[in-house]
Amino acid sequence: MAHMQSFQMISEMKEFAGLSAAEQRYIGRSIDVAAQGTSASERWSRTSAEKARIDAQARLYRTLLPAIRAAIPDDIDLDASAELIASLVTLTAFDLGEEKLTSFTSYRFLYERLLGGAVRPWLASAFLAAAGLPYLHPATRKALLRSITEDDATAPGWSHREPSFIPEWVEKVPVAVF
C-alpha cells in the first residue's frame, strides 16, 4: 500500500514539474489563498495590482469553496449536479480569467487539491463551460479549449482517490559565496 502511495506521489510530482513556472506559481498561490485567505497576499503579491487580485481570489474562495465542497454529489445524476455546477463554473471562470492556468491539466491539478478527488467527474464540464465564456479573450478561449483531450472530456469513469502531493511555498535560501 505504501509503495502504491509513493508511486502516486511521484507521478503527481512529475505532473506538477511538467507545468510552466507561471502555472506552478498560480497553483501554489491558490492553495495558499484557499488555506490562508487574504493573508496569503503578503507572501504571493509582487505588486499592488497582484495583491488586489489575490484579495479578490480570497473573497471568492471563502464564499464558493465551502459551498462547492458541500454540493459535490455522490452520483452523476443530472439532478444531483444542479447545485454544484453553477458555483464550480463561476470559480473556474475566475481562475481561468487570471490567465495563469493555460491548460486543462493545470486546472485539474489545482482543483483536485482545492476540492478533493470526488470533484473529478465534474471538472471537464466546468472547464469547458468556463473556457467558452465570452469574457475571456478569444485567443485564450481557443488555447484553453484545445488543451482538453478527448480522453479527458469523455472518460468512462473517474477515481475518487485524494491527491497525495500538495505543492508548498519554499522560502528562498540565500546563496553563500565562498
N, C-alpha and C. Protein backbone atom coordinates (compact mmCIF):
# COMPACT_ATOMS: atom_id res chain seq x y z
N MET A 1 0.82 -1.19 0.00
CA MET A 1 0.00 0.00 0.00
C MET A 1 0.87 1.26 0.00
N ALA A 2 1.91 1.27 0.85
CA ALA A 2 2.81 2.43 0.91
C ALA A 2 3.53 2.61 -0.41
N HIS A 3 3.88 1.50 -1.07
CA HIS A 3 4.54 1.57 -2.38
C HIS A 3 3.62 2.25 -3.40
N MET A 4 2.34 1.91 -3.35
CA MET A 4 1.36 2.49 -4.27
C MET A 4 1.22 3.98 -4.02
N GLN A 5 1.17 4.39 -2.76
CA GLN A 5 1.06 5.81 -2.42
C GLN A 5 2.31 6.57 -2.85
N SER A 6 3.48 5.97 -2.69
CA SER A 6 4.73 6.60 -3.12
C SER A 6 4.73 6.79 -4.63
N PHE A 7 4.28 5.77 -5.36
CA PHE A 7 4.20 5.86 -6.82
C PHE A 7 3.25 6.97 -7.23
N GLN A 8 2.10 7.05 -6.55
CA GLN A 8 1.12 8.09 -6.85
C GLN A 8 1.72 9.48 -6.60
N MET A 9 2.41 9.65 -5.48
CA MET A 9 3.00 10.95 -5.17
C MET A 9 4.06 11.34 -6.19
N ILE A 10 4.91 10.41 -6.56
CA ILE A 10 5.95 10.68 -7.56
C ILE A 10 5.32 11.05 -8.89
N SER A 11 4.27 10.34 -9.27
CA SER A 11 3.56 10.64 -10.51
C SER A 11 2.98 12.06 -10.48
N GLU A 12 2.38 12.43 -9.36
CA GLU A 12 1.81 13.78 -9.23
C GLU A 12 2.90 14.85 -9.21
N MET A 13 4.04 14.55 -8.61
CA MET A 13 5.16 15.49 -8.60
C MET A 13 5.68 15.70 -10.02
N LYS A 14 5.77 14.63 -10.80
CA LYS A 14 6.21 14.73 -12.20
C LYS A 14 5.21 15.57 -13.00
N GLU A 15 3.94 15.35 -12.75
CA GLU A 15 2.92 16.12 -13.47
C GLU A 15 3.07 17.61 -13.14
N PHE A 16 3.26 17.93 -11.88
CA PHE A 16 3.44 19.32 -11.46
C PHE A 16 4.71 19.90 -12.08
N ALA A 17 5.78 19.14 -12.10
CA ALA A 17 7.05 19.61 -12.68
C ALA A 17 6.91 19.89 -14.17
N GLY A 18 5.98 19.22 -14.84
CA GLY A 18 5.76 19.43 -16.27
C GLY A 18 4.96 20.68 -16.60
N LEU A 19 4.42 21.33 -15.58
CA LEU A 19 3.67 22.57 -15.81
C LEU A 19 4.62 23.75 -15.90
N SER A 20 4.18 24.81 -16.51
CA SER A 20 5.03 26.01 -16.62
C SER A 20 5.25 26.63 -15.24
N ALA A 21 6.28 27.46 -15.14
CA ALA A 21 6.57 28.13 -13.87
C ALA A 21 5.39 29.00 -13.43
N ALA A 22 4.74 29.66 -14.37
CA ALA A 22 3.58 30.50 -14.04
C ALA A 22 2.42 29.66 -13.52
N GLU A 23 2.20 28.49 -14.13
CA GLU A 23 1.14 27.60 -13.65
C GLU A 23 1.48 27.07 -12.26
N GLN A 24 2.73 26.67 -12.06
CA GLN A 24 3.15 26.18 -10.74
C GLN A 24 2.95 27.26 -9.68
N ARG A 25 3.34 28.49 -9.99
CA ARG A 25 3.21 29.59 -9.04
C ARG A 25 1.75 29.85 -8.72
N TYR A 26 0.90 29.87 -9.74
CA TYR A 26 -0.52 30.13 -9.53
C TYR A 26 -1.16 29.01 -8.70
N ILE A 27 -0.79 27.77 -8.96
CA ILE A 27 -1.33 26.65 -8.18
C ILE A 27 -0.92 26.79 -6.73
N GLY A 28 0.36 27.05 -6.48
CA GLY A 28 0.83 27.23 -5.11
C GLY A 28 0.14 28.39 -4.42
N ARG A 29 0.01 29.49 -5.13
CA ARG A 29 -0.68 30.67 -4.60
C ARG A 29 -2.12 30.34 -4.26
N SER A 30 -2.80 29.66 -5.17
CA SER A 30 -4.22 29.36 -4.97
C SER A 30 -4.45 28.43 -3.79
N ILE A 31 -3.58 27.46 -3.62
CA ILE A 31 -3.69 26.56 -2.48
C ILE A 31 -3.50 27.35 -1.18
N ASP A 32 -2.53 28.27 -1.18
CA ASP A 32 -2.33 29.12 0.00
C ASP A 32 -3.51 30.05 0.24
N VAL A 33 -4.06 30.62 -0.82
CA VAL A 33 -5.22 31.50 -0.68
C VAL A 33 -6.39 30.72 -0.09
N ALA A 34 -6.60 29.49 -0.55
CA ALA A 34 -7.68 28.67 -0.02
C ALA A 34 -7.48 28.39 1.46
N ALA A 35 -6.24 28.22 1.88
CA ALA A 35 -5.94 27.90 3.27
C ALA A 35 -5.85 29.12 4.18
N GLN A 36 -5.30 30.22 3.64
CA GLN A 36 -4.98 31.38 4.49
C GLN A 36 -5.81 32.62 4.19
N GLY A 37 -6.57 32.62 3.12
CA GLY A 37 -7.36 33.80 2.78
C GLY A 37 -6.49 34.98 2.37
N THR A 38 -6.93 36.17 2.75
CA THR A 38 -6.24 37.39 2.31
C THR A 38 -4.83 37.50 2.86
N SER A 39 -4.51 36.82 3.95
CA SER A 39 -3.14 36.89 4.46
C SER A 39 -2.14 36.27 3.49
N ALA A 40 -2.60 35.44 2.56
CA ALA A 40 -1.70 34.86 1.55
C ALA A 40 -1.15 35.93 0.62
N SER A 41 -1.83 37.06 0.50
CA SER A 41 -1.35 38.11 -0.41
C SER A 41 -0.01 38.67 0.03
N GLU A 42 0.26 38.63 1.32
CA GLU A 42 1.56 39.11 1.80
C GLU A 42 2.70 38.27 1.25
N ARG A 43 2.49 36.99 1.14
CA ARG A 43 3.52 36.07 0.65
C ARG A 43 3.64 36.13 -0.87
N TRP A 44 2.51 36.22 -1.56
CA TRP A 44 2.50 36.00 -3.00
C TRP A 44 2.48 37.25 -3.86
N SER A 45 2.02 38.38 -3.34
CA SER A 45 1.88 39.56 -4.20
C SER A 45 3.22 40.26 -4.40
N ARG A 46 3.44 40.64 -5.65
CA ARG A 46 4.66 41.37 -6.01
C ARG A 46 4.36 42.82 -6.33
N THR A 47 3.07 43.11 -6.60
CA THR A 47 2.64 44.48 -6.91
C THR A 47 1.31 44.73 -6.21
N SER A 48 0.90 45.99 -6.17
CA SER A 48 -0.39 46.30 -5.57
C SER A 48 -1.54 45.72 -6.40
N ALA A 49 -1.38 45.68 -7.70
CA ALA A 49 -2.41 45.09 -8.56
C ALA A 49 -2.54 43.59 -8.29
N GLU A 50 -1.41 42.92 -8.10
CA GLU A 50 -1.47 41.49 -7.81
C GLU A 50 -2.07 41.25 -6.44
N LYS A 51 -1.77 42.10 -5.48
CA LYS A 51 -2.37 42.00 -4.14
C LYS A 51 -3.89 42.12 -4.23
N ALA A 52 -4.37 43.06 -5.04
CA ALA A 52 -5.82 43.23 -5.21
C ALA A 52 -6.45 41.98 -5.82
N ARG A 53 -5.77 41.34 -6.80
CA ARG A 53 -6.29 40.13 -7.44
C ARG A 53 -6.31 38.96 -6.44
N ILE A 54 -5.28 38.87 -5.61
CA ILE A 54 -5.23 37.79 -4.62
C ILE A 54 -6.31 38.00 -3.57
N ASP A 55 -6.53 39.24 -3.17
CA ASP A 55 -7.60 39.52 -2.21
C ASP A 55 -8.97 39.18 -2.80
N ALA A 56 -9.17 39.50 -4.08
CA ALA A 56 -10.42 39.13 -4.75
C ALA A 56 -10.58 37.61 -4.82
N GLN A 57 -9.48 36.93 -5.12
CA GLN A 57 -9.49 35.47 -5.16
C GLN A 57 -9.85 34.91 -3.78
N ALA A 58 -9.28 35.50 -2.73
CA ALA A 58 -9.56 35.02 -1.36
C ALA A 58 -11.03 35.19 -1.01
N ARG A 59 -11.62 36.32 -1.38
CA ARG A 59 -13.05 36.53 -1.10
C ARG A 59 -13.91 35.51 -1.84
N LEU A 60 -13.59 35.28 -3.10
CA LEU A 60 -14.36 34.32 -3.90
C LEU A 60 -14.17 32.90 -3.36
N TYR A 61 -12.95 32.53 -3.04
CA TYR A 61 -12.69 31.20 -2.49
C TYR A 61 -13.42 31.01 -1.16
N ARG A 62 -13.40 32.03 -0.31
CA ARG A 62 -14.06 31.94 1.01
C ARG A 62 -15.56 31.68 0.83
N THR A 63 -16.14 32.27 -0.19
CA THR A 63 -17.57 32.10 -0.44
C THR A 63 -17.89 30.78 -1.14
N LEU A 64 -17.14 30.48 -2.20
CA LEU A 64 -17.53 29.37 -3.07
C LEU A 64 -16.94 28.01 -2.70
N LEU A 65 -15.72 27.95 -2.21
CA LEU A 65 -15.13 26.63 -1.94
C LEU A 65 -15.96 25.80 -0.96
N PRO A 66 -16.38 26.34 0.18
CA PRO A 66 -17.20 25.51 1.09
C PRO A 66 -18.53 25.08 0.45
N ALA A 67 -19.14 25.97 -0.31
CA ALA A 67 -20.42 25.64 -0.96
C ALA A 67 -20.22 24.55 -2.01
N ILE A 68 -19.15 24.64 -2.77
CA ILE A 68 -18.88 23.62 -3.79
C ILE A 68 -18.59 22.27 -3.13
N ARG A 69 -17.74 22.27 -2.11
CA ARG A 69 -17.42 21.01 -1.41
C ARG A 69 -18.70 20.35 -0.89
N ALA A 70 -19.59 21.16 -0.33
CA ALA A 70 -20.83 20.62 0.23
C ALA A 70 -21.79 20.12 -0.85
N ALA A 71 -21.65 20.66 -2.06
CA ALA A 71 -22.58 20.32 -3.14
C ALA A 71 -22.10 19.18 -4.04
N ILE A 72 -20.88 18.69 -3.84
CA ILE A 72 -20.38 17.59 -4.69
C ILE A 72 -21.25 16.36 -4.43
N PRO A 73 -21.96 15.91 -5.44
CA PRO A 73 -22.88 14.78 -5.24
C PRO A 73 -22.16 13.44 -5.20
N ASP A 74 -22.83 12.46 -4.64
CA ASP A 74 -22.30 11.11 -4.57
C ASP A 74 -22.45 10.36 -5.89
N ASP A 75 -23.33 10.85 -6.75
CA ASP A 75 -23.53 10.20 -8.04
C ASP A 75 -23.49 11.24 -9.15
N ILE A 76 -23.61 10.78 -10.39
CA ILE A 76 -23.51 11.69 -11.53
C ILE A 76 -24.88 12.00 -12.15
N ASP A 77 -25.93 11.78 -11.39
CA ASP A 77 -27.28 12.07 -11.84
C ASP A 77 -27.42 13.57 -12.15
N LEU A 78 -28.16 13.91 -13.18
CA LEU A 78 -28.33 15.30 -13.59
C LEU A 78 -28.91 16.16 -12.46
N ASP A 79 -29.90 15.65 -11.76
CA ASP A 79 -30.49 16.42 -10.67
C ASP A 79 -29.48 16.73 -9.57
N ALA A 80 -28.55 15.82 -9.36
CA ALA A 80 -27.56 16.00 -8.30
C ALA A 80 -26.56 17.10 -8.64
N SER A 81 -26.41 17.41 -9.92
CA SER A 81 -25.39 18.38 -10.33
C SER A 81 -25.87 19.82 -10.31
N ALA A 82 -27.15 20.06 -10.20
CA ALA A 82 -27.69 21.41 -10.32
C ALA A 82 -27.08 22.39 -9.33
N GLU A 83 -26.94 21.99 -8.09
CA GLU A 83 -26.40 22.88 -7.07
C GLU A 83 -24.90 23.11 -7.24
N LEU A 84 -24.21 22.13 -7.76
CA LEU A 84 -22.76 22.19 -7.89
C LEU A 84 -22.26 23.01 -9.07
N ILE A 85 -22.83 22.78 -10.23
CA ILE A 85 -22.20 23.22 -11.46
C ILE A 85 -22.10 24.74 -11.61
N ALA A 86 -23.10 25.50 -11.21
CA ALA A 86 -23.04 26.95 -11.37
C ALA A 86 -21.90 27.55 -10.55
N SER A 87 -21.76 27.14 -9.31
CA SER A 87 -20.67 27.66 -8.47
C SER A 87 -19.32 27.20 -8.98
N LEU A 88 -19.23 25.96 -9.44
CA LEU A 88 -17.97 25.44 -9.94
C LEU A 88 -17.55 26.17 -11.22
N VAL A 89 -18.48 26.46 -12.10
CA VAL A 89 -18.16 27.20 -13.32
C VAL A 89 -17.75 28.64 -12.98
N THR A 90 -18.41 29.26 -12.02
CA THR A 90 -18.05 30.62 -11.61
C THR A 90 -16.63 30.67 -11.07
N LEU A 91 -16.28 29.75 -10.19
CA LEU A 91 -14.94 29.72 -9.63
C LEU A 91 -13.91 29.41 -10.72
N THR A 92 -14.22 28.46 -11.58
CA THR A 92 -13.34 28.10 -12.69
C THR A 92 -13.11 29.31 -13.60
N ALA A 93 -14.17 30.04 -13.90
CA ALA A 93 -14.05 31.21 -14.78
C ALA A 93 -13.11 32.24 -14.17
N PHE A 94 -13.20 32.45 -12.86
CA PHE A 94 -12.29 33.39 -12.21
C PHE A 94 -10.84 32.93 -12.40
N ASP A 95 -10.57 31.67 -12.07
CA ASP A 95 -9.20 31.18 -12.15
C ASP A 95 -8.67 31.17 -13.59
N LEU A 96 -9.49 30.79 -14.54
CA LEU A 96 -9.05 30.84 -15.94
C LEU A 96 -8.85 32.27 -16.41
N GLY A 97 -9.66 33.19 -15.90
CA GLY A 97 -9.55 34.61 -16.24
C GLY A 97 -8.26 35.24 -15.76
N GLU A 98 -7.61 34.64 -14.78
CA GLU A 98 -6.31 35.13 -14.31
C GLU A 98 -5.22 34.85 -15.34
N GLU A 99 -5.51 34.00 -16.29
CA GLU A 99 -4.63 33.64 -17.41
C GLU A 99 -3.29 33.04 -16.99
N LYS A 100 -3.29 32.32 -15.88
CA LYS A 100 -2.09 31.61 -15.42
C LYS A 100 -2.25 30.11 -15.64
N LEU A 101 -3.46 29.62 -15.58
CA LEU A 101 -3.74 28.22 -15.88
C LEU A 101 -4.03 28.14 -17.37
N THR A 102 -3.12 27.55 -18.12
CA THR A 102 -3.23 27.59 -19.57
C THR A 102 -3.68 26.28 -20.19
N SER A 103 -4.04 25.31 -19.34
CA SER A 103 -4.45 24.02 -19.87
C SER A 103 -5.40 23.32 -18.89
N PHE A 104 -6.11 22.34 -19.43
CA PHE A 104 -6.97 21.54 -18.57
C PHE A 104 -6.14 20.80 -17.52
N THR A 105 -4.95 20.38 -17.89
CA THR A 105 -4.09 19.64 -16.95
C THR A 105 -3.78 20.48 -15.72
N SER A 106 -3.38 21.73 -15.91
CA SER A 106 -3.05 22.59 -14.75
C SER A 106 -4.31 22.91 -13.94
N TYR A 107 -5.41 23.14 -14.62
CA TYR A 107 -6.69 23.39 -13.95
C TYR A 107 -7.10 22.18 -13.10
N ARG A 108 -7.07 21.00 -13.70
CA ARG A 108 -7.44 19.78 -12.98
C ARG A 108 -6.53 19.56 -11.78
N PHE A 109 -5.24 19.77 -11.97
CA PHE A 109 -4.28 19.60 -10.88
C PHE A 109 -4.66 20.49 -9.69
N LEU A 110 -4.95 21.76 -9.96
CA LEU A 110 -5.32 22.69 -8.90
C LEU A 110 -6.64 22.29 -8.25
N TYR A 111 -7.66 22.04 -9.04
CA TYR A 111 -8.99 21.81 -8.49
C TYR A 111 -9.11 20.48 -7.73
N GLU A 112 -8.32 19.49 -8.10
CA GLU A 112 -8.29 18.25 -7.30
C GLU A 112 -7.78 18.56 -5.90
N ARG A 113 -6.87 19.50 -5.78
CA ARG A 113 -6.31 19.85 -4.48
C ARG A 113 -7.20 20.82 -3.71
N LEU A 114 -7.90 21.69 -4.42
CA LEU A 114 -8.81 22.61 -3.74
C LEU A 114 -10.07 21.90 -3.25
N LEU A 115 -10.56 20.93 -4.03
CA LEU A 115 -11.88 20.36 -3.76
C LEU A 115 -11.88 18.86 -3.46
N GLY A 116 -10.78 18.17 -3.69
CA GLY A 116 -10.72 16.75 -3.42
C GLY A 116 -11.03 15.89 -4.63
N GLY A 117 -10.75 14.62 -4.50
CA GLY A 117 -10.92 13.68 -5.60
C GLY A 117 -12.34 13.49 -6.07
N ALA A 118 -13.32 13.71 -5.20
CA ALA A 118 -14.72 13.49 -5.57
C ALA A 118 -15.22 14.46 -6.64
N VAL A 119 -14.51 15.56 -6.87
CA VAL A 119 -14.94 16.55 -7.86
C VAL A 119 -14.54 16.17 -9.29
N ARG A 120 -13.68 15.19 -9.45
CA ARG A 120 -13.16 14.83 -10.79
C ARG A 120 -14.23 14.66 -11.87
N PRO A 121 -15.35 13.99 -11.61
CA PRO A 121 -16.32 13.81 -12.70
C PRO A 121 -16.87 15.13 -13.25
N TRP A 122 -16.77 16.20 -12.50
CA TRP A 122 -17.38 17.47 -12.87
C TRP A 122 -16.39 18.45 -13.47
N LEU A 123 -15.11 18.16 -13.41
CA LEU A 123 -14.09 19.14 -13.83
C LEU A 123 -14.10 19.43 -15.33
N ALA A 124 -14.23 18.42 -16.16
CA ALA A 124 -14.22 18.66 -17.61
C ALA A 124 -15.40 19.56 -18.00
N SER A 125 -16.57 19.30 -17.46
CA SER A 125 -17.75 20.12 -17.78
C SER A 125 -17.57 21.56 -17.34
N ALA A 126 -17.09 21.75 -16.12
CA ALA A 126 -16.89 23.11 -15.61
C ALA A 126 -15.82 23.84 -16.41
N PHE A 127 -14.75 23.14 -16.74
CA PHE A 127 -13.67 23.74 -17.52
C PHE A 127 -14.17 24.17 -18.90
N LEU A 128 -14.87 23.28 -19.59
CA LEU A 128 -15.37 23.60 -20.93
C LEU A 128 -16.36 24.77 -20.89
N ALA A 129 -17.23 24.77 -19.89
CA ALA A 129 -18.20 25.86 -19.77
C ALA A 129 -17.49 27.19 -19.52
N ALA A 130 -16.56 27.21 -18.58
CA ALA A 130 -15.86 28.46 -18.24
C ALA A 130 -14.93 28.89 -19.37
N ALA A 131 -14.24 27.95 -20.00
CA ALA A 131 -13.31 28.29 -21.08
C ALA A 131 -14.05 28.85 -22.29
N GLY A 132 -15.32 28.56 -22.43
CA GLY A 132 -16.11 29.06 -23.55
C GLY A 132 -16.80 30.38 -23.28
N LEU A 133 -16.65 30.93 -22.09
CA LEU A 133 -17.33 32.19 -21.76
C LEU A 133 -16.74 33.36 -22.54
N PRO A 134 -17.60 34.27 -22.99
CA PRO A 134 -17.12 35.36 -23.84
C PRO A 134 -16.25 36.40 -23.13
N TYR A 135 -16.19 36.39 -21.81
CA TYR A 135 -15.36 37.39 -21.15
C TYR A 135 -13.87 37.08 -21.30
N LEU A 136 -13.54 35.86 -21.64
CA LEU A 136 -12.14 35.52 -21.92
C LEU A 136 -11.78 35.98 -23.33
N HIS A 137 -10.56 36.40 -23.51
CA HIS A 137 -10.08 36.81 -24.82
C HIS A 137 -10.21 35.62 -25.78
N PRO A 138 -10.58 35.86 -27.04
CA PRO A 138 -10.76 34.74 -27.98
C PRO A 138 -9.54 33.83 -28.10
N ALA A 139 -8.34 34.41 -28.07
CA ALA A 139 -7.13 33.57 -28.16
C ALA A 139 -6.99 32.69 -26.91
N THR A 140 -7.35 33.22 -25.76
CA THR A 140 -7.31 32.45 -24.52
C THR A 140 -8.33 31.32 -24.57
N ARG A 141 -9.55 31.64 -25.01
CA ARG A 141 -10.58 30.61 -25.15
C ARG A 141 -10.11 29.48 -26.06
N LYS A 142 -9.55 29.87 -27.18
CA LYS A 142 -9.10 28.89 -28.16
C LYS A 142 -8.03 27.97 -27.56
N ALA A 143 -7.04 28.55 -26.90
CA ALA A 143 -5.96 27.75 -26.30
C ALA A 143 -6.49 26.84 -25.20
N LEU A 144 -7.37 27.35 -24.37
CA LEU A 144 -7.93 26.53 -23.29
C LEU A 144 -8.75 25.37 -23.85
N LEU A 145 -9.61 25.66 -24.80
CA LEU A 145 -10.46 24.61 -25.36
C LEU A 145 -9.65 23.56 -26.10
N ARG A 146 -8.55 23.96 -26.72
CA ARG A 146 -7.69 22.99 -27.40
C ARG A 146 -6.88 22.13 -26.43
N SER A 147 -6.76 22.57 -25.18
CA SER A 147 -5.90 21.87 -24.22
C SER A 147 -6.55 20.62 -23.62
N ILE A 148 -7.85 20.50 -23.75
CA ILE A 148 -8.51 19.33 -23.17
C ILE A 148 -8.56 18.22 -24.22
N THR A 149 -8.13 17.05 -23.80
CA THR A 149 -8.11 15.93 -24.74
C THR A 149 -9.47 15.26 -24.81
N GLU A 150 -9.65 14.50 -25.84
CA GLU A 150 -10.89 13.73 -25.98
C GLU A 150 -11.04 12.77 -24.80
N ASP A 151 -9.94 12.16 -24.37
CA ASP A 151 -9.99 11.25 -23.23
C ASP A 151 -10.41 11.97 -21.95
N ASP A 152 -9.92 13.21 -21.75
CA ASP A 152 -10.31 13.97 -20.57
C ASP A 152 -11.81 14.27 -20.59
N ALA A 153 -12.31 14.63 -21.76
CA ALA A 153 -13.71 15.04 -21.90
C ALA A 153 -14.68 13.87 -21.90
N THR A 154 -14.21 12.68 -22.25
CA THR A 154 -15.14 11.55 -22.39
C THR A 154 -14.78 10.35 -21.52
N ALA A 155 -14.08 10.60 -20.44
CA ALA A 155 -13.67 9.49 -19.56
C ALA A 155 -14.87 8.67 -19.13
N PRO A 156 -14.75 7.35 -19.20
CA PRO A 156 -15.88 6.50 -18.80
C PRO A 156 -16.06 6.41 -17.29
N GLY A 157 -15.06 6.84 -16.53
CA GLY A 157 -15.15 6.79 -15.07
C GLY A 157 -14.01 7.59 -14.46
N TRP A 158 -14.14 7.92 -13.19
CA TRP A 158 -13.15 8.74 -12.51
C TRP A 158 -12.83 8.14 -11.15
N SER A 159 -11.58 8.24 -10.79
CA SER A 159 -11.15 7.83 -9.47
C SER A 159 -11.56 8.89 -8.46
N HIS A 160 -11.88 8.48 -7.27
CA HIS A 160 -12.20 9.42 -6.20
C HIS A 160 -11.07 9.51 -5.19
N ARG A 161 -9.92 8.90 -5.51
CA ARG A 161 -8.79 8.95 -4.59
C ARG A 161 -8.33 10.40 -4.42
N GLU A 162 -7.88 10.68 -3.23
CA GLU A 162 -7.42 12.03 -2.94
C GLU A 162 -6.01 12.22 -3.48
N PRO A 163 -5.67 13.44 -3.89
CA PRO A 163 -4.29 13.70 -4.33
C PRO A 163 -3.34 13.48 -3.16
N SER A 164 -2.12 13.07 -3.47
CA SER A 164 -1.15 12.83 -2.41
C SER A 164 -0.04 13.88 -2.38
N PHE A 165 0.12 14.65 -3.44
CA PHE A 165 1.14 15.69 -3.48
C PHE A 165 0.47 17.06 -3.50
N ILE A 166 0.79 17.86 -2.51
CA ILE A 166 0.29 19.24 -2.42
C ILE A 166 1.51 20.16 -2.44
N PRO A 167 1.69 20.96 -3.49
CA PRO A 167 2.85 21.85 -3.54
C PRO A 167 2.80 22.88 -2.41
N GLU A 168 3.95 23.21 -1.88
CA GLU A 168 4.04 24.19 -0.80
C GLU A 168 5.06 25.26 -1.14
N TRP A 169 4.88 26.43 -0.52
CA TRP A 169 5.81 27.53 -0.66
C TRP A 169 7.16 27.12 -0.09
N VAL A 170 8.21 27.43 -0.81
CA VAL A 170 9.56 27.17 -0.33
C VAL A 170 10.28 28.52 -0.28
N GLU A 171 10.72 28.88 0.92
CA GLU A 171 11.45 30.14 1.07
C GLU A 171 12.76 30.06 0.30
N LYS A 172 13.15 31.21 -0.27
CA LYS A 172 14.44 31.27 -0.94
C LYS A 172 15.54 31.19 0.09
N VAL A 173 16.52 30.40 -0.23
CA VAL A 173 17.67 30.25 0.66
C VAL A 173 18.78 31.12 0.12
N PRO A 174 19.35 32.01 0.98
CA PRO A 174 20.43 32.85 0.48
C PRO A 174 21.63 32.00 0.07
N VAL A 175 22.23 32.38 -1.02
CA VAL A 175 23.39 31.65 -1.53
C VAL A 175 24.64 32.24 -0.89
N ALA A 176 25.41 31.39 -0.28
CA ALA A 176 26.65 31.84 0.34
C ALA A 176 27.78 31.69 -0.68
N VAL A 177 28.56 32.74 -0.82
CA VAL A 177 29.69 32.71 -1.75
C VAL A 177 30.95 32.54 -0.93
N PHE A 178 31.73 31.54 -1.27
CA PHE A 178 32.97 31.28 -0.51
C PHE A 178 34.16 31.76 -1.26
